[in-house]
Amino acid sequence: MKLIAQPQDIVQYDSKLDKDLDKLPQQILKKLKMWAQLVNHRGITEARKIPGYHDEPLQGKRKGERSIRLNNAYRAIYTEDKNTIKITVIEVNKHDY
C-alpha cells in the first residue's frame, strides 16, 4: 500500500519516508492513511480530539514535533506548518515505552 498525498491535502509525507513505509505492516499503513484522511477532511484540531490516537507534543530534542499512536508499538511523528496549514509526517517507527 503506497501512501500518496495530493497537493491540496493537508497531510503530506516526507520523501525520506518512502523506504520506511515499505517495511511497515499493512495494518499500520492503513491506520496512518485513515488518520490522514480524517485530518484532510475535518482538520487537525478535530483529529486531535480522538483519544485513540493519543496526539501529543514531543519534548527535548524533538520539541516542535508531535506524535500519534498507530497501535501499542508504532507511532507516527509529524510537524505542523501553521503558515501553510500543512502537516508533514516525517517518521513512522516502532516505539519503546
PDB file of N, CA and C in Angstrom:
ATOM      1  N   MET A   1       0.846  -1.177   0.000  1.00  0.00           N
ATOM      2  CA  MET A   1       0.000   0.000   0.000  1.00  0.00           C
ATOM      3  C   MET A   1       0.888   1.236   0.000  1.00  0.00           C
ATOM      4  N   LYS A   2       0.741   2.051  -0.975  1.00  0.00           N
ATOM      5  CA  LYS A   2       1.507   3.287  -1.090  1.00  0.00           C
ATOM      6  C   LYS A   2       0.670   4.434  -0.552  1.00  0.00           C
ATOM      7  N   LEU A   3       1.280   5.306   0.215  1.00  0.00           N
ATOM      8  CA  LEU A   3       0.585   6.484   0.711  1.00  0.00           C
ATOM      9  C   LEU A   3       0.909   7.643  -0.217  1.00  0.00           C
ATOM     10  N   ILE A   4      -0.090   8.094  -0.937  1.00  0.00           N
ATOM     11  CA  ILE A   4       0.111   9.175  -1.906  1.00  0.00           C
ATOM     12  C   ILE A   4      -0.731  10.362  -1.479  1.00  0.00           C
ATOM     13  N   ALA A   5      -0.082  11.484  -1.309  1.00  0.00           N
ATOM     14  CA  ALA A   5      -0.787  12.705  -0.932  1.00  0.00           C
ATOM     15  C   ALA A   5      -0.961  13.573  -2.167  1.00  0.00           C
ATOM     16  N   GLN A   6      -2.129  14.161  -2.279  1.00  0.00           N
ATOM     17  CA  GLN A   6      -2.405  15.107  -3.347  1.00  0.00           C
ATOM     18  C   GLN A   6      -1.902  16.489  -2.909  1.00  0.00           C
ATOM     19  N   PRO A   7      -1.537  17.350  -3.850  1.00  0.00           N
ATOM     20  CA  PRO A   7      -1.025  18.682  -3.481  1.00  0.00           C
ATOM     21  C   PRO A   7      -1.979  19.483  -2.592  1.00  0.00           C
ATOM     22  N   GLN A   8      -3.275  19.296  -2.749  1.00  0.00           N
ATOM     23  CA  GLN A   8      -4.242  20.056  -1.957  1.00  0.00           C
ATOM     24  C   GLN A   8      -4.450  19.467  -0.560  1.00  0.00           C
ATOM     25  N   ASP A   9      -3.922  18.275  -0.299  1.00  0.00           N
ATOM     26  CA  ASP A   9      -4.083  17.634   1.010  1.00  0.00           C
ATOM     27  C   ASP A   9      -3.310  18.382   2.088  1.00  0.00           C
ATOM     28  N   ILE A  10      -3.882  18.400   3.280  1.00  0.00           N
ATOM     29  CA  ILE A  10      -3.202  18.984   4.430  1.00  0.00           C
ATOM     30  C   ILE A  10      -2.024  18.108   4.839  1.00  0.00           C
ATOM     31  N   VAL A  11      -2.243  16.793   4.848  1.00  0.00           N
ATOM     32  CA  VAL A  11      -1.203  15.849   5.269  1.00  0.00           C
ATOM     33  C   VAL A  11      -0.326  15.492   4.075  1.00  0.00           C
ATOM     34  N   GLN A  12       0.969  15.699   4.245  1.00  0.00           N
ATOM     35  CA  GLN A  12       1.972  15.338   3.250  1.00  0.00           C
ATOM     36  C   GLN A  12       2.943  14.355   3.913  1.00  0.00           C
ATOM     37  N   TYR A  13       3.728  13.672   3.096  1.00  0.00           N
ATOM     38  CA  TYR A  13       4.697  12.695   3.617  1.00  0.00           C
ATOM     39  C   TYR A  13       6.094  13.100   3.182  1.00  0.00           C
ATOM     40  N   ASP A  14       7.011  13.114   4.124  1.00  0.00           N
ATOM     41  CA  ASP A  14       8.400  13.435   3.828  1.00  0.00           C
ATOM     42  C   ASP A  14       8.948  12.424   2.832  1.00  0.00           C
ATOM     43  N   SER A  15       9.725  12.886   1.884  1.00  0.00           N
ATOM     44  CA  SER A  15      10.256  11.996   0.838  1.00  0.00           C
ATOM     45  C   SER A  15      11.172  10.911   1.410  1.00  0.00           C
ATOM     46  N   LYS A  16      11.788  11.150   2.534  1.00  0.00           N
ATOM     47  CA  LYS A  16      12.672  10.160   3.163  1.00  0.00           C
ATOM     48  C   LYS A  16      11.885   8.995   3.766  1.00  0.00           C
ATOM     49  N   LEU A  17      10.592   9.140   3.847  1.00  0.00           N
ATOM     50  CA  LEU A  17       9.741   8.154   4.492  1.00  0.00           C
ATOM     51  C   LEU A  17       9.433   6.951   3.604  1.00  0.00           C
ATOM     52  N   ASP A  18       9.579   7.071   2.292  1.00  0.00           N
ATOM     53  CA  ASP A  18       9.185   6.020   1.347  1.00  0.00           C
ATOM     54  C   ASP A  18       9.756   4.648   1.677  1.00  0.00           C
ATOM     55  N   LYS A  19      11.050   4.558   1.919  1.00  0.00           N
ATOM     56  CA  LYS A  19      11.683   3.262   2.192  1.00  0.00           C
ATOM     57  C   LYS A  19      11.171   2.658   3.495  1.00  0.00           C
ATOM     58  N   ASP A  20      10.955   3.501   4.498  1.00  0.00           N
ATOM     59  CA  ASP A  20      10.467   3.017   5.788  1.00  0.00           C
ATOM     60  C   ASP A  20       9.049   2.482   5.681  1.00  0.00           C
ATOM     61  N   LEU A  21       8.224   3.131   4.869  1.00  0.00           N
ATOM     62  CA  LEU A  21       6.824   2.716   4.742  1.00  0.00           C
ATOM     63  C   LEU A  21       6.702   1.331   4.136  1.00  0.00           C
ATOM     64  N   ASP A  22       7.610   0.974   3.241  1.00  0.00           N
ATOM     65  CA  ASP A  22       7.573  -0.348   2.612  1.00  0.00           C
ATOM     66  C   ASP A  22       7.778  -1.474   3.616  1.00  0.00           C
ATOM     67  N   LYS A  23       8.421  -1.183   4.742  1.00  0.00           N
ATOM     68  CA  LYS A  23       8.738  -2.207   5.742  1.00  0.00           C
ATOM     69  C   LYS A  23       7.658  -2.351   6.818  1.00  0.00           C
ATOM     70  N   LEU A  24       6.680  -1.447   6.815  1.00  0.00           N
ATOM     71  CA  LEU A  24       5.668  -1.453   7.864  1.00  0.00           C
ATOM     72  C   LEU A  24       4.564  -2.470   7.594  1.00  0.00           C
ATOM     73  N   PRO A  25       3.981  -3.002   8.657  1.00  0.00           N
ATOM     74  CA  PRO A  25       2.831  -3.889   8.487  1.00  0.00           C
ATOM     75  C   PRO A  25       1.661  -3.139   7.829  1.00  0.00           C
ATOM     76  N   GLN A  26       0.857  -3.860   7.065  1.00  0.00           N
ATOM     77  CA  GLN A  26      -0.266  -3.247   6.344  1.00  0.00           C
ATOM     78  C   GLN A  26      -1.252  -2.561   7.275  1.00  0.00           C
ATOM     79  N   GLN A  27      -1.513  -3.134   8.455  1.00  0.00           N
ATOM     80  CA  GLN A  27      -2.479  -2.513   9.348  1.00  0.00           C
ATOM     81  C   GLN A  27      -1.996  -1.164   9.873  1.00  0.00           C
ATOM     82  N   ILE A  28      -0.675  -0.985   9.988  1.00  0.00           N
ATOM     83  CA  ILE A  28      -0.122   0.296  10.428  1.00  0.00           C
ATOM     84  C   ILE A  28      -0.297   1.326   9.316  1.00  0.00           C
ATOM     85  N   LEU A  29      -0.006   0.932   8.091  1.00  0.00           N
ATOM     86  CA  LEU A  29      -0.207   1.843   6.957  1.00  0.00           C
ATOM     87  C   LEU A  29      -1.675   2.231   6.830  1.00  0.00           C
ATOM     88  N   LYS A  30      -2.559   1.275   7.039  1.00  0.00           N
ATOM     89  CA  LYS A  30      -3.990   1.545   6.934  1.00  0.00           C
ATOM     90  C   LYS A  30      -4.433   2.555   7.992  1.00  0.00           C
ATOM     91  N   LYS A  31      -3.932   2.401   9.212  1.00  0.00           N
ATOM     92  CA  LYS A  31      -4.302   3.335  10.279  1.00  0.00           C
ATOM     93  C   LYS A  31      -3.738   4.730  10.008  1.00  0.00           C
ATOM     94  N   LEU A  32      -2.513   4.810   9.490  1.00  0.00           N
ATOM     95  CA  LEU A  32      -1.929   6.104   9.140  1.00  0.00           C
ATOM     96  C   LEU A  32      -2.745   6.771   8.034  1.00  0.00           C
ATOM     97  N   LYS A  33      -3.159   5.992   7.059  1.00  0.00           N
ATOM     98  CA  LYS A  33      -3.971   6.521   5.964  1.00  0.00           C
ATOM     99  C   LYS A  33      -5.329   7.017   6.484  1.00  0.00           C
ATOM    100  N   MET A  34      -5.934   6.278   7.408  1.00  0.00           N
ATOM    101  CA  MET A  34      -7.208   6.698   7.992  1.00  0.00           C
ATOM    102  C   MET A  34      -7.052   8.020   8.743  1.00  0.00           C
ATOM    103  N   TRP A  35      -5.951   8.164   9.495  1.00  0.00           N
ATOM    104  CA  TRP A  35      -5.696   9.402  10.227  1.00  0.00           C
ATOM    105  C   TRP A  35      -5.512  10.562   9.247  1.00  0.00           C
ATOM    106  N   ALA A  36      -4.745  10.330   8.174  1.00  0.00           N
ATOM    107  CA  ALA A  36      -4.508  11.381   7.179  1.00  0.00           C
ATOM    108  C   ALA A  36      -5.818  11.810   6.519  1.00  0.00           C
ATOM    109  N   GLN A  37      -6.688  10.858   6.210  1.00  0.00           N
ATOM    110  CA  GLN A  37      -7.982  11.196   5.615  1.00  0.00           C
ATOM    111  C   GLN A  37      -8.824  12.022   6.579  1.00  0.00           C
ATOM    112  N   LEU A  38      -8.792  11.659   7.846  1.00  0.00           N
ATOM    113  CA  LEU A  38      -9.519  12.418   8.866  1.00  0.00           C
ATOM    114  C   LEU A  38      -9.010  13.854   8.926  1.00  0.00           C
ATOM    115  N   VAL A  39      -7.696  14.023   8.966  1.00  0.00           N
ATOM    116  CA  VAL A  39      -7.109  15.366   9.022  1.00  0.00           C
ATOM    117  C   VAL A  39      -7.451  16.151   7.758  1.00  0.00           C
ATOM    118  N   ASN A  40      -7.360  15.515   6.597  1.00  0.00           N
ATOM    119  CA  ASN A  40      -7.648  16.200   5.340  1.00  0.00           C
ATOM    120  C   ASN A  40      -9.111  16.653   5.245  1.00  0.00           C
ATOM    121  N   HIS A  41     -10.023  15.881   5.828  1.00  0.00           N
ATOM    122  CA  HIS A  41     -11.441  16.204   5.707  1.00  0.00           C
ATOM    123  C   HIS A  41     -11.990  17.046   6.858  1.00  0.00           C
ATOM    124  N   ARG A  42     -11.469  16.825   8.065  1.00  0.00           N
ATOM    125  CA  ARG A  42     -12.023  17.531   9.230  1.00  0.00           C
ATOM    126  C   ARG A  42     -11.063  18.512   9.879  1.00  0.00           C
ATOM    127  N   GLY A  43      -9.770  18.399   9.570  1.00  0.00           N
ATOM    128  CA  GLY A  43      -8.777  19.294  10.156  1.00  0.00           C
ATOM    129  C   GLY A  43      -8.057  18.649  11.324  1.00  0.00           C
ATOM    130  N   ILE A  44      -6.884  19.161  11.605  1.00  0.00           N
ATOM    131  CA  ILE A  44      -6.050  18.593  12.663  1.00  0.00           C
ATOM    132  C   ILE A  44      -6.664  18.808  14.042  1.00  0.00           C
ATOM    133  N   THR A  45      -7.377  19.908  14.240  1.00  0.00           N
ATOM    134  CA  THR A  45      -7.996  20.173  15.540  1.00  0.00           C
ATOM    135  C   THR A  45      -9.006  19.093  15.890  1.00  0.00           C
ATOM    136  N   GLU A  46      -9.833  18.695  14.934  1.00  0.00           N
ATOM    137  CA  GLU A  46     -10.818  17.637  15.170  1.00  0.00           C
ATOM    138  C   GLU A  46     -10.137  16.279  15.366  1.00  0.00           C
ATOM    139  N   ALA A  47      -9.079  16.016  14.600  1.00  0.00           N
ATOM    140  CA  ALA A  47      -8.368  14.741  14.717  1.00  0.00           C
ATOM    141  C   ALA A  47      -7.731  14.596  16.099  1.00  0.00           C
ATOM    142  N   ARG A  48      -7.277  15.690  16.664  1.00  0.00           N
ATOM    143  CA  ARG A  48      -6.644  15.640  17.992  1.00  0.00           C
ATOM    144  C   ARG A  48      -7.639  15.298  19.091  1.00  0.00           C
ATOM    145  N   LYS A  49      -8.913  15.469  18.839  1.00  0.00           N
ATOM    146  CA  LYS A  49      -9.936  15.165  19.842  1.00  0.00           C
ATOM    147  C   LYS A  49     -10.191  13.674  19.987  1.00  0.00           C
ATOM    148  N   ILE A  50      -9.727  12.867  19.047  1.00  0.00           N
ATOM    149  CA  ILE A  50      -9.957  11.432  19.098  1.00  0.00           C
ATOM    150  C   ILE A  50      -8.914  10.802  20.024  1.00  0.00           C
ATOM    151  N   PRO A  51      -9.350  10.282  21.172  1.00  0.00           N
ATOM    152  CA  PRO A  51      -8.394   9.800  22.169  1.00  0.00           C
ATOM    153  C   PRO A  51      -7.551   8.610  21.723  1.00  0.00           C
ATOM    154  N   GLY A  52      -8.019   7.813  20.803  1.00  0.00           N
ATOM    155  CA  GLY A  52      -7.285   6.624  20.372  1.00  0.00           C
ATOM    156  C   GLY A  52      -5.947   6.924  19.718  1.00  0.00           C
ATOM    157  N   TYR A  53      -5.806   8.120  19.159  1.00  0.00           N
ATOM    158  CA  TYR A  53      -4.538   8.469  18.512  1.00  0.00           C
ATOM    159  C   TYR A  53      -3.502   9.029  19.497  1.00  0.00           C
ATOM    160  N   HIS A  54      -3.931   9.414  20.679  1.00  0.00           N
ATOM    161  CA  HIS A  54      -3.004   9.949  21.695  1.00  0.00           C
ATOM    162  C   HIS A  54      -2.085  11.023  21.105  1.00  0.00           C
ATOM    163  N   ASP A  55      -2.649  11.951  20.379  1.00  0.00           N
ATOM    164  CA  ASP A  55      -1.864  13.024  19.756  1.00  0.00           C
ATOM    165  C   ASP A  55      -1.238  13.870  20.867  1.00  0.00           C
ATOM    166  N   GLU A  56       0.091  14.011  20.816  1.00  0.00           N
ATOM    167  CA  GLU A  56       0.772  14.760  21.872  1.00  0.00           C
ATOM    168  C   GLU A  56       2.026  15.444  21.348  1.00  0.00           C
ATOM    169  N   PRO A  57       2.365  16.589  21.947  1.00  0.00           N
ATOM    170  CA  PRO A  57       3.612  17.262  21.572  1.00  0.00           C
ATOM    171  C   PRO A  57       4.798  16.506  22.158  1.00  0.00           C
ATOM    172  N   LEU A  58       5.901  16.495  21.430  1.00  0.00           N
ATOM    173  CA  LEU A  58       7.106  15.836  21.907  1.00  0.00           C
ATOM    174  C   LEU A  58       7.987  16.835  22.631  1.00  0.00           C
ATOM    175  N   GLN A  59       8.914  16.331  23.411  1.00  0.00           N
ATOM    176  CA  GLN A  59       9.778  17.192  24.216  1.00  0.00           C
ATOM    177  C   GLN A  59      11.240  16.933  23.893  1.00  0.00           C
ATOM    178  N   GLY A  60      12.103  17.699  24.520  1.00  0.00           N
ATOM    179  CA  GLY A  60      13.543  17.515  24.345  1.00  0.00           C
ATOM    180  C   GLY A  60      13.995  17.890  22.961  1.00  0.00           C
ATOM    181  N   LYS A  61      14.834  17.035  22.366  1.00  0.00           N
ATOM    182  CA  LYS A  61      15.371  17.351  21.042  1.00  0.00           C
ATOM    183  C   LYS A  61      14.306  17.262  19.951  1.00  0.00           C
ATOM    184  N   ARG A  62      13.149  16.727  20.274  1.00  0.00           N
ATOM    185  CA  ARG A  62      12.036  16.639  19.315  1.00  0.00           C
ATOM    186  C   ARG A  62      10.982  17.723  19.565  1.00  0.00           C
ATOM    187  N   LYS A  63      11.321  18.730  20.341  1.00  0.00           N
ATOM    188  CA  LYS A  63      10.386  19.821  20.608  1.00  0.00           C
ATOM    189  C   LYS A  63       9.980  20.461  19.279  1.00  0.00           C
ATOM    190  N   GLY A  64       8.700  20.736  19.121  1.00  0.00           N
ATOM    191  CA  GLY A  64       8.180  21.286  17.871  1.00  0.00           C
ATOM    192  C   GLY A  64       7.571  20.218  16.982  1.00  0.00           C
ATOM    193  N   GLU A  65       7.749  18.955  17.363  1.00  0.00           N
ATOM    194  CA  GLU A  65       7.156  17.840  16.634  1.00  0.00           C
ATOM    195  C   GLU A  65       6.049  17.236  17.504  1.00  0.00           C
ATOM    196  N   ARG A  66       5.149  16.508  16.869  1.00  0.00           N
ATOM    197  CA  ARG A  66       4.057  15.841  17.574  1.00  0.00           C
ATOM    198  C   ARG A  66       4.032  14.382  17.160  1.00  0.00           C
ATOM    199  N   SER A  67       3.368  13.556  17.956  1.00  0.00           N
ATOM    200  CA  SER A  67       3.245  12.151  17.584  1.00  0.00           C
ATOM    201  C   SER A  67       1.811  11.679  17.782  1.00  0.00           C
ATOM    202  N   ILE A  68       1.471  10.655  17.002  1.00  0.00           N
ATOM    203  CA  ILE A  68       0.212   9.942  17.180  1.00  0.00           C
ATOM    204  C   ILE A  68       0.556   8.471  17.311  1.00  0.00           C
ATOM    205  N   ARG A  69      -0.266   7.749  18.028  1.00  0.00           N
ATOM    206  CA  ARG A  69      -0.078   6.305  18.158  1.00  0.00           C
ATOM    207  C   ARG A  69      -0.925   5.600  17.107  1.00  0.00           C
ATOM    208  N   LEU A  70      -0.281   4.700  16.390  1.00  0.00           N
ATOM    209  CA  LEU A  70      -0.985   3.916  15.387  1.00  0.00           C
ATOM    210  C   LEU A  70      -1.417   2.572  15.962  1.00  0.00           C
ATOM    211  N   ASN A  71      -0.716   2.113  16.971  1.00  0.00           N
ATOM    212  CA  ASN A  71      -1.098   0.979  17.825  1.00  0.00           C
ATOM    213  C   ASN A  71      -0.180   1.022  19.035  1.00  0.00           C
ATOM    214  N   ASN A  72      -0.126  -0.035  19.821  1.00  0.00           N
ATOM    215  CA  ASN A  72       0.712  -0.003  21.028  1.00  0.00           C
ATOM    216  C   ASN A  72       2.197   0.110  20.718  1.00  0.00           C
ATOM    217  N   ALA A  73       2.626  -0.360  19.570  1.00  0.00           N
ATOM    218  CA  ALA A  73       4.053  -0.379  19.246  1.00  0.00           C
ATOM    219  C   ALA A  73       4.485   0.739  18.297  1.00  0.00           C
ATOM    220  N   TYR A  74       3.626   1.161  17.392  1.00  0.00           N
ATOM    221  CA  TYR A  74       4.032   2.116  16.356  1.00  0.00           C
ATOM    222  C   TYR A  74       3.450   3.500  16.583  1.00  0.00           C
ATOM    223  N   ARG A  75       4.257   4.494  16.249  1.00  0.00           N
ATOM    224  CA  ARG A  75       3.771   5.868  16.267  1.00  0.00           C
ATOM    225  C   ARG A  75       4.265   6.594  15.024  1.00  0.00           C
ATOM    226  N   ALA A  76       3.537   7.624  14.660  1.00  0.00           N
ATOM    227  CA  ALA A  76       3.933   8.494  13.553  1.00  0.00           C
ATOM    228  C   ALA A  76       4.296   9.846  14.144  1.00  0.00           C
ATOM    229  N   ILE A  77       5.372  10.415  13.650  1.00  0.00           N
ATOM    230  CA  ILE A  77       5.827  11.717  14.112  1.00  0.00           C
ATOM    231  C   ILE A  77       5.603  12.701  12.980  1.00  0.00           C
ATOM    232  N   TYR A  78       5.040  13.853  13.321  1.00  0.00           N
ATOM    233  CA  TYR A  78       4.754  14.849  12.296  1.00  0.00           C
ATOM    234  C   TYR A  78       5.072  16.256  12.777  1.00  0.00           C
ATOM    235  N   THR A  79       5.208  17.135  11.812  1.00  0.00           N
ATOM    236  CA  THR A  79       5.388  18.554  12.089  1.00  0.00           C
ATOM    237  C   THR A  79       4.205  19.298  11.494  1.00  0.00           C
ATOM    238  N   GLU A  80       3.964  20.477  12.030  1.00  0.00           N
ATOM    239  CA  GLU A  80       2.831  21.281  11.587  1.00  0.00           C
ATOM    240  C   GLU A  80       3.339  22.656  11.170  1.00  0.00           C
ATOM    241  N   ASP A  81       3.034  23.045   9.945  1.00  0.00           N
ATOM    242  CA  ASP A  81       3.377  24.382   9.456  1.00  0.00           C
ATOM    243  C   ASP A  81       2.103  25.205   9.456  1.00  0.00           C
ATOM    244  N   LYS A  82       1.962  26.058  10.442  1.00  0.00           N
ATOM    245  CA  LYS A  82       0.724  26.817  10.601  1.00  0.00           C
ATOM    246  C   LYS A  82       0.566  27.900   9.543  1.00  0.00           C
ATOM    247  N   ASN A  83       1.661  28.309   8.930  1.00  0.00           N
ATOM    248  CA  ASN A  83       1.582  29.332   7.881  1.00  0.00           C
ATOM    249  C   ASN A  83       0.908  28.804   6.617  1.00  0.00           C
ATOM    250  N   THR A  84       1.182  27.548   6.285  1.00  0.00           N
ATOM    251  CA  THR A  84       0.627  26.968   5.057  1.00  0.00           C
ATOM    252  C   THR A  84      -0.456  25.930   5.342  1.00  0.00           C
ATOM    253  N   ILE A  85      -0.761  25.721   6.617  1.00  0.00           N
ATOM    254  CA  ILE A  85      -1.743  24.710   7.032  1.00  0.00           C
ATOM    255  C   ILE A  85      -1.370  23.346   6.450  1.00  0.00           C
ATOM    256  N   LYS A  86      -0.130  22.948   6.653  1.00  0.00           N
ATOM    257  CA  LYS A  86       0.352  21.639   6.181  1.00  0.00           C
ATOM    258  C   LYS A  86       0.877  20.837   7.357  1.00  0.00           C
ATOM    259  N   ILE A  87       0.599  19.552   7.299  1.00  0.00           N
ATOM    260  CA  ILE A  87       1.118  18.579   8.259  1.00  0.00           C
ATOM    261  C   ILE A  87       2.063  17.679   7.465  1.00  0.00           C
ATOM    262  N   THR A  88       3.282  17.488   7.949  1.00  0.00           N
ATOM    263  CA  THR A  88       4.231  16.618   7.261  1.00  0.00           C
ATOM    264  C   THR A  88       4.597  15.460   8.176  1.00  0.00           C
ATOM    265  N   VAL A  89       4.244  14.247   7.758  1.00  0.00           N
ATOM    266  CA  VAL A  89       4.637  13.052   8.505  1.00  0.00           C
ATOM    267  C   VAL A  89       6.102  12.807   8.182  1.00  0.00           C
ATOM    268  N   ILE A  90       6.957  12.858   9.206  1.00  0.00           N
ATOM    269  CA  ILE A  90       8.395  12.743   8.965  1.00  0.00           C
ATOM    270  C   ILE A  90       8.957  11.378   9.350  1.00  0.00           C
ATOM    271  N   GLU A  91       8.209  10.624  10.162  1.00  0.00           N
ATOM    272  CA  GLU A  91       8.747   9.342  10.605  1.00  0.00           C
ATOM    273  C   GLU A  91       7.617   8.456  11.122  1.00  0.00           C
ATOM    274  N   VAL A  92       7.724   7.169  10.874  1.00  0.00           N
ATOM    275  CA  VAL A  92       6.859   6.170  11.490  1.00  0.00           C
ATOM    276  C   VAL A  92       7.801   5.124  12.056  1.00  0.00           C
ATOM    277  N   ASN A  93       7.712   4.884  13.353  1.00  0.00           N
ATOM    278  CA  ASN A  93       8.665   3.962  13.951  1.00  0.00           C
ATOM    279  C   ASN A  93       8.027   3.100  15.033  1.00  0.00           C
ATOM    280  N   LYS A  94       8.744   2.070  15.377  1.00  0.00           N
ATOM    281  CA  LYS A  94       8.353   1.221  16.498  1.00  0.00           C
ATOM    282  C   LYS A  94       8.885   1.908  17.737  1.00  0.00           C
ATOM    283  N   HIS A  95       8.016   2.145  18.672  1.00  0.00           N
ATOM    284  CA  HIS A  95       8.355   2.965  19.831  1.00  0.00           C
ATOM    285  C   HIS A  95       8.547   2.116  21.079  1.00  0.00           C
ATOM    286  N   ASP A  96       9.573   2.429  21.844  1.00  0.00           N
ATOM    287  CA  ASP A  96       9.798   1.765  23.119  1.00  0.00           C
ATOM    288  C   ASP A  96       9.089   2.563  24.208  1.00  0.00           C
ATOM    289  N   TYR A  97       8.255   1.910  24.971  1.00  0.00           N
ATOM    290  CA  TYR A  97       7.552   2.587  26.058  1.00  0.00           C
ATOM    291  C   TYR A  97       8.142   2.222  27.373  1.00  0.00           C
TER     292      TYR A  97
END
